[in-house]
Amino acid sequence: MASLTVGIIFRFWKFKKKADLSYKEIKNNSHEKKIAPSVSNLGTILQNSIMSSINTVVMIGGFVMLFSVIISILKNAKIFETLEILCSPLLKTINLPESFASGIFAGIIELTNGVSQIAKIPFKAISVNVIICAFLLGFGGISILLQVLSITSTSDISIKPYILGKLIQGAFAALYTYILLQNIVFLNFDIL
């Protein structure tokens, strides 16, 4: 639902064209890059697609590993503890323990580690854990944003609307999760 909402919000999004190409130039450029599939070059096409897939999987794994190491360094350097202390007044105003701060920051950096930390926090109202995880899943984290940037960097697609869209998607995911947990009886887990 959050994805659909962001799609509706961004349906009229306009972007600046880097270059004004005529229809004829675009048509000529698109024909130069296409390879007509045939039985003789099917092996080459399959080999290229498999190698491209392997490179993408290795790249994604590398990003997850890199950001997991960054999170580990931040934990060992007591940065997350400092963030917990700084955020504790804000979290206390909404009746949350300060342990949520490190999970939220870890999730903003790398999704898997953050969701894992949030899910492990023992809290009476488990629905709070679910709502925070919904936000993190909607946003995706800096690691995923950089994965998308690395794939789209060779095109003229701007990453700024994507980042804005992911923030909005995270907010709507949390909001919709809250509404569902409030209004569906068997999903209500003692919301604050």
C-alpha atoms as a PDB file:
ATOM      1  CA  MET A   1       0.000   0.000   0.000  1.00  0.00           C
ATOM      2  CA  ALA A   2       2.874   2.369   0.782  1.00  0.00           C
ATOM      3  CA  SER A   3       4.455   1.683  -2.615  1.00  0.00           C
ATOM      4  CA  LEU A   4       1.183   2.374  -4.406  1.00  0.00           C
ATOM      5  CA  THR A   5       0.726   5.598  -2.435  1.00  0.00           C
ATOM      6  CA  VAL A   6       4.198   6.815  -3.398  1.00  0.00           C
ATOM      7  CA  GLY A   7       3.494   5.843  -7.012  1.00  0.00           C
ATOM      8  CA  ILE A   8       0.334   7.941  -6.990  1.00  0.00           C
ATOM      9  CA  ILE A   9       2.139  10.880  -5.355  1.00  0.00           C
ATOM     10  CA  PHE A  10       4.999  10.742  -7.867  1.00  0.00           C
ATOM     11  CA  ARG A  11       2.944  10.086 -10.988  1.00  0.00           C
ATOM     12  CA  PHE A  12       3.257  13.709 -12.066  1.00  0.00           C
ATOM     13  CA  TRP A  13       6.949  14.020 -11.130  1.00  0.00           C
ATOM     14  CA  LYS A  14       8.902  15.806 -13.842  1.00  0.00           C
ATOM     15  CA  PHE A  15      12.639  15.660 -14.324  1.00  0.00           C
ATOM     16  CA  LYS A  16      15.001  17.895 -16.221  1.00  0.00           C
ATOM     17  CA  LYS A  17      16.354  16.405 -19.394  1.00  0.00           C
ATOM     18  CA  LYS A  18      20.123  16.468 -19.580  1.00  0.00           C
ATOM     19  CA  ALA A  19      20.083  16.860 -23.307  1.00  0.00           C
ATOM     20  CA  ASP A  20      17.324  17.625 -25.742  1.00  0.00           C
ATOM     21  CA  LEU A  21      17.450  14.816 -28.242  1.00  0.00           C
ATOM     22  CA  SER A  22      15.088  14.670 -31.126  1.00  0.00           C
ATOM     23  CA  TYR A  23      12.942  11.617 -31.730  1.00  0.00           C
ATOM     24  CA  LYS A  24      15.115  10.677 -34.712  1.00  0.00           C
ATOM     25  CA  GLU A  25      18.330  10.764 -32.627  1.00  0.00           C
ATOM     26  CA  ILE A  26      16.766   8.633 -29.877  1.00  0.00           C
ATOM     27  CA  LYS A  27      15.514   6.144 -32.461  1.00  0.00           C
ATOM     28  CA  ASN A  28      18.954   5.930 -34.114  1.00  0.00           C
ATOM     29  CA  ASN A  29      20.745   5.483 -30.772  1.00  0.00           C
ATOM     30  CA  SER A  30      18.366   2.750 -29.635  1.00  0.00           C
ATOM     31  CA  HIS A  31      18.950   0.738 -32.840  1.00  0.00           C
ATOM     32  CA  GLU A  32      22.725   0.859 -32.442  1.00  0.00           C
ATOM     33  CA  LYS A  33      22.643  -0.705 -28.960  1.00  0.00           C
ATOM     34  CA  LYS A  34      20.262  -3.579 -29.707  1.00  0.00           C
ATOM     35  CA  ILE A  35      21.528  -6.984 -30.764  1.00  0.00           C
ATOM     36  CA  ALA A  36      19.008  -8.977 -32.733  1.00  0.00           C
ATOM     37  CA  PRO A  37      18.690 -12.401 -31.092  1.00  0.00           C
ATOM     38  CA  SER A  38      19.286 -15.392 -33.299  1.00  0.00           C
ATOM     39  CA  VAL A  39      20.267 -19.016 -32.818  1.00  0.00           C
ATOM     40  CA  SER A  40      23.889 -18.229 -33.685  1.00  0.00           C
ATOM     41  CA  ASN A  41      24.386 -15.604 -30.959  1.00  0.00           C
ATOM     42  CA  LEU A  42      22.034 -17.131 -28.333  1.00  0.00           C
ATOM     43  CA  GLY A  43      25.011 -18.517 -26.400  1.00  0.00           C
ATOM     44  CA  THR A  44      26.650 -15.098 -26.270  1.00  0.00           C
ATOM     45  CA  ILE A  45      23.432 -13.446 -25.099  1.00  0.00           C
ATOM     46  CA  LEU A  46      22.941 -16.068 -22.369  1.00  0.00           C
ATOM     47  CA  GLN A  47      26.579 -15.807 -21.283  1.00  0.00           C
ATOM     48  CA  ASN A  48      26.366 -12.003 -21.040  1.00  0.00           C
ATOM     49  CA  SER A  49      23.122 -12.108 -19.050  1.00  0.00           C
ATOM     50  CA  ILE A  50      24.503 -14.717 -16.616  1.00  0.00           C
ATOM     51  CA  MET A  51      27.731 -12.777 -16.104  1.00  0.00           C
ATOM     52  CA  SER A  52      25.762  -9.569 -15.562  1.00  0.00           C
ATOM     53  CA  SER A  53      23.548 -11.337 -12.986  1.00  0.00           C
ATOM     54  CA  ILE A  54      26.572 -12.738 -11.152  1.00  0.00           C
ATOM     55  CA  ASN A  55      28.198  -9.304 -11.046  1.00  0.00           C
ATOM     56  CA  THR A  56      25.005  -7.779  -9.648  1.00  0.00           C
ATOM     57  CA  VAL A  57      24.669 -10.463  -6.942  1.00  0.00           C
ATOM     58  CA  VAL A  58      28.326 -10.039  -5.924  1.00  0.00           C
ATOM     59  CA  MET A  59      27.886  -6.252  -5.836  1.00  0.00           C
ATOM     60  CA  ILE A  60      24.799  -6.505  -3.597  1.00  0.00           C
ATOM     61  CA  GLY A  61      26.578  -8.943  -1.281  1.00  0.00           C
ATOM     62  CA  GLY A  62      29.548  -6.590  -1.153  1.00  0.00           C
ATOM     63  CA  PHE A  63      27.345  -3.668  -0.127  1.00  0.00           C
ATOM     64  CA  VAL A  64      25.678  -5.712   2.623  1.00  0.00           C
ATOM     65  CA  MET A  65      29.091  -6.877   3.888  1.00  0.00           C
ATOM     66  CA  LEU A  66      30.566  -3.357   3.772  1.00  0.00           C
ATOM     67  CA  PHE A  67      27.694  -1.785   5.685  1.00  0.00           C
ATOM     68  CA  SER A  68      27.620  -4.650   8.199  1.00  0.00           C
ATOM     69  CA  VAL A  69      31.290  -3.917   8.893  1.00  0.00           C
ATOM     70  CA  ILE A  70      30.518  -0.193   9.210  1.00  0.00           C
ATOM     71  CA  ILE A  71      27.764  -0.962  11.740  1.00  0.00           C
ATOM     72  CA  SER A  72      30.136  -3.226  13.669  1.00  0.00           C
ATOM     73  CA  ILE A  73      32.773  -0.464  13.762  1.00  0.00           C
ATOM     74  CA  LEU A  74      30.177   2.062  14.961  1.00  0.00           C
ATOM     75  CA  LYS A  75      29.078  -0.350  17.720  1.00  0.00           C
ATOM     76  CA  ASN A  76      32.648  -1.012  18.859  1.00  0.00           C
ATOM     77  CA  ALA A  77      33.442   2.719  18.819  1.00  0.00           C
ATOM     78  CA  LYS A  78      30.399   3.268  21.101  1.00  0.00           C
ATOM     79  CA  ILE A  79      28.811   5.600  18.530  1.00  0.00           C
ATOM     80  CA  PHE A  80      25.444   3.855  18.868  1.00  0.00           C
ATOM     81  CA  GLU A  81      25.587   4.224  22.655  1.00  0.00           C
ATOM     82  CA  THR A  82      26.188   7.952  22.208  1.00  0.00           C
ATOM     83  CA  LEU A  83      23.248   8.181  19.797  1.00  0.00           C
ATOM     84  CA  GLU A  84      21.068   6.333  22.335  1.00  0.00           C
ATOM     85  CA  ILE A  85      21.971   8.906  25.004  1.00  0.00           C
ATOM     86  CA  LEU A  86      21.313  11.808  22.619  1.00  0.00           C
ATOM     87  CA  CYS A  87      17.964  10.397  21.489  1.00  0.00           C
ATOM     88  CA  SER A  88      16.777   9.234  24.915  1.00  0.00           C
ATOM     89  CA  PRO A  89      14.850  12.460  25.732  1.00  0.00           C
ATOM     90  CA  LEU A  90      12.933  12.223  22.459  1.00  0.00           C
ATOM     91  CA  LEU A  91      12.236   8.511  22.899  1.00  0.00           C
ATOM     92  CA  LYS A  92      11.143   9.013  26.522  1.00  0.00           C
ATOM     93  CA  THR A  93       8.544  11.561  25.407  1.00  0.00           C
ATOM     94  CA  ILE A  94       6.895   8.843  23.317  1.00  0.00           C
ATOM     95  CA  ASN A  95       7.411   6.168  26.044  1.00  0.00           C
ATOM     96  CA  LEU A  96      10.044   4.146  24.191  1.00  0.00           C
ATOM     97  CA  PRO A  97      13.252   2.779  25.700  1.00  0.00           C
ATOM     98  CA  GLU A  98      16.489   4.274  24.388  1.00  0.00           C
ATOM     99  CA  SER A  99      17.558   0.872  23.007  1.00  0.00           C
ATOM    100  CA  PHE A 100      15.349   1.577  19.982  1.00  0.00           C
ATOM    101  CA  ALA A 101      17.706   4.377  18.870  1.00  0.00           C
ATOM    102  CA  SER A 102      20.600   2.077  17.946  1.00  0.00           C
ATOM    103  CA  GLY A 103      18.276  -0.261  16.032  1.00  0.00           C
ATOM    104  CA  ILE A 104      16.730   2.619  14.097  1.00  0.00           C
ATOM    105  CA  PHE A 105      20.138   4.080  13.206  1.00  0.00           C
ATOM    106  CA  ALA A 106      21.458   0.629  12.236  1.00  0.00           C
ATOM    107  CA  GLY A 107      18.376   0.148  10.039  1.00  0.00           C
ATOM    108  CA  ILE A 108      18.874   3.514   8.381  1.00  0.00           C
ATOM    109  CA  ILE A 109      22.428   2.431   7.541  1.00  0.00           C
ATOM    110  CA  GLU A 110      21.723  -1.202   6.605  1.00  0.00           C
ATOM    111  CA  LEU A 111      18.249  -2.733   6.572  1.00  0.00           C
ATOM    112  CA  THR A 112      18.928  -6.315   7.681  1.00  0.00           C
ATOM    113  CA  ASN A 113      20.976  -5.418  10.743  1.00  0.00           C
ATOM    114  CA  GLY A 114      18.520  -2.743  11.844  1.00  0.00           C
ATOM    115  CA  VAL A 115      15.414  -4.895  11.511  1.00  0.00           C
ATOM    116  CA  SER A 116      17.215  -7.698  13.355  1.00  0.00           C
ATOM    117  CA  GLN A 117      18.109  -5.359  16.232  1.00  0.00           C
ATOM    118  CA  ILE A 118      14.599  -3.885  16.445  1.00  0.00           C
ATOM    119  CA  ALA A 119      13.013  -7.351  16.421  1.00  0.00           C
ATOM    120  CA  LYS A 120      15.223  -8.471  19.336  1.00  0.00           C
ATOM    121  CA  ILE A 121      14.271  -5.571  21.633  1.00  0.00           C
ATOM    122  CA  PRO A 122      12.025  -6.920  24.389  1.00  0.00           C
ATOM    123  CA  PHE A 123       9.189  -4.439  24.696  1.00  0.00           C
ATOM    124  CA  LYS A 124       5.716  -4.892  26.152  1.00  0.00           C
ATOM    125  CA  ALA A 125       3.930  -3.428  23.130  1.00  0.00           C
ATOM    126  CA  ILE A 126       5.445  -5.523  20.322  1.00  0.00           C
ATOM    127  CA  SER A 127       3.438  -3.527  17.796  1.00  0.00           C
ATOM    128  CA  VAL A 128       5.954  -0.676  18.247  1.00  0.00           C
ATOM    129  CA  ASN A 129       8.677  -3.022  17.005  1.00  0.00           C
ATOM    130  CA  VAL A 130       6.493  -3.942  14.029  1.00  0.00           C
ATOM    131  CA  ILE A 131       5.774  -0.286  13.144  1.00  0.00           C
ATOM    132  CA  ILE A 132       9.458   0.695  13.308  1.00  0.00           C
ATOM    133  CA  CYS A 133      10.391  -2.327  11.190  1.00  0.00           C
ATOM    134  CA  ALA A 134       7.714  -1.317   8.679  1.00  0.00           C
ATOM    135  CA  PHE A 135       9.318   2.117   8.370  1.00  0.00           C
ATOM    136  CA  LEU A 136      12.781   0.591   7.895  1.00  0.00           C
ATOM    137  CA  LEU A 137      11.492  -1.873   5.298  1.00  0.00           C
ATOM    138  CA  GLY A 138       9.764   0.935   3.413  1.00  0.00           C
ATOM    139  CA  PHE A 139      12.853   3.163   3.494  1.00  0.00           C
ATOM    140  CA  GLY A 140      15.388   0.425   2.779  1.00  0.00           C
ATOM    141  CA  GLY A 141      18.487   2.011   4.283  1.00  0.00           C
ATOM    142  CA  ILE A 142      21.529   3.783   2.901  1.00  0.00           C
ATOM    143  CA  SER A 143      23.010   0.483   1.720  1.00  0.00           C
ATOM    144  CA  ILE A 144      20.082  -0.160  -0.618  1.00  0.00           C
ATOM    145  CA  LEU A 145      20.047   3.454  -1.790  1.00  0.00           C
ATOM    146  CA  LEU A 146      23.716   3.147  -2.763  1.00  0.00           C
ATOM    147  CA  GLN A 147      23.041  -0.184  -4.497  1.00  0.00           C
ATOM    148  CA  VAL A 148      20.391   1.524  -6.614  1.00  0.00           C
ATOM    149  CA  LEU A 149      22.742   4.460  -7.259  1.00  0.00           C
ATOM    150  CA  SER A 150      25.502   2.110  -8.423  1.00  0.00           C
ATOM    151  CA  ILE A 151      23.148   0.473 -10.912  1.00  0.00           C
ATOM    152  CA  THR A 152      21.576   3.708 -12.189  1.00  0.00           C
ATOM    153  CA  SER A 153      24.794   5.753 -12.237  1.00  0.00           C
ATOM    154  CA  THR A 154      25.394   5.014 -15.914  1.00  0.00           C
ATOM    155  CA  SER A 155      21.984   6.375 -16.872  1.00  0.00           C
ATOM    156  CA  ASP A 156      20.548   9.872 -16.650  1.00  0.00           C
ATOM    157  CA  ILE A 157      18.123   8.859 -13.885  1.00  0.00           C
ATOM    158  CA  SER A 158      18.325  11.142 -10.834  1.00  0.00           C
ATOM    159  CA  ILE A 159      18.628   9.444  -7.442  1.00  0.00           C
ATOM    160  CA  LYS A 160      17.099  12.414  -5.541  1.00  0.00           C
ATOM    161  CA  PRO A 161      13.430  11.582  -6.305  1.00  0.00           C
ATOM    162  CA  TYR A 162      14.149   7.939  -5.431  1.00  0.00           C
ATOM    163  CA  ILE A 163      15.528   8.906  -1.999  1.00  0.00           C
ATOM    164  CA  LEU A 164      12.576  11.212  -1.355  1.00  0.00           C
ATOM    165  CA  GLY A 165      10.186   8.495  -2.496  1.00  0.00           C
ATOM    166  CA  LYS A 166      11.782   5.922  -0.179  1.00  0.00           C
ATOM    167  CA  LEU A 167      11.487   8.273   2.814  1.00  0.00           C
ATOM    168  CA  ILE A 168       7.823   8.870   2.003  1.00  0.00           C
ATOM    169  CA  GLN A 169       7.301   5.142   1.465  1.00  0.00           C
ATOM    170  CA  GLY A 170       8.798   4.388   4.887  1.00  0.00           C
ATOM    171  CA  ALA A 171       6.513   6.940   6.544  1.00  0.00           C
ATOM    172  CA  PHE A 172       3.421   5.553   4.809  1.00  0.00           C
ATOM    173  CA  ALA A 173       4.451   1.969   5.619  1.00  0.00           C
ATOM    174  CA  ALA A 174       4.667   2.876   9.309  1.00  0.00           C
ATOM    175  CA  LEU A 175       1.360   4.772   9.171  1.00  0.00           C
ATOM    176  CA  TYR A 176      -0.499   1.969   7.379  1.00  0.00           C
ATOM    177  CA  THR A 177       0.960  -0.615   9.769  1.00  0.00           C
ATOM    178  CA  TYR A 178      -0.196   1.464  12.739  1.00  0.00           C
ATOM    179  CA  ILE A 179      -3.697   1.783  11.259  1.00  0.00           C
ATOM    180  CA  LEU A 180      -3.901  -1.955  10.541  1.00  0.00           C
ATOM    181  CA  LEU A 181      -2.696  -2.863  14.022  1.00  0.00           C
ATOM    182  CA  GLN A 182      -5.261  -0.495  15.569  1.00  0.00           C
ATOM    183  CA  ASN A 183      -8.239  -1.635  13.514  1.00  0.00           C
ATOM    184  CA  ILE A 184      -7.794  -5.361  12.996  1.00  0.00           C
ATOM    185  CA  VAL A 185      -8.509  -7.142  16.271  1.00  0.00           C
ATOM    186  CA  PHE A 186      -6.289 -10.206  15.865  1.00  0.00           C
ATOM    187  CA  LEU A 187      -3.316  -7.978  14.871  1.00  0.00           C
ATOM    188  CA  ASN A 188      -3.640  -5.662  17.894  1.00  0.00           C
ATOM    189  CA  PHE A 189      -0.546  -6.275  20.071  1.00  0.00           C
ATOM    190  CA  ASP A 190      -0.977  -3.628  22.797  1.00  0.00           C
ATOM    191  CA  ILE A 191      -0.172  -0.445  20.873  1.00  0.00           C
ATOM    192  CA  LEU A 192       0.999   2.421  23.044  1.00  0.00           C
END
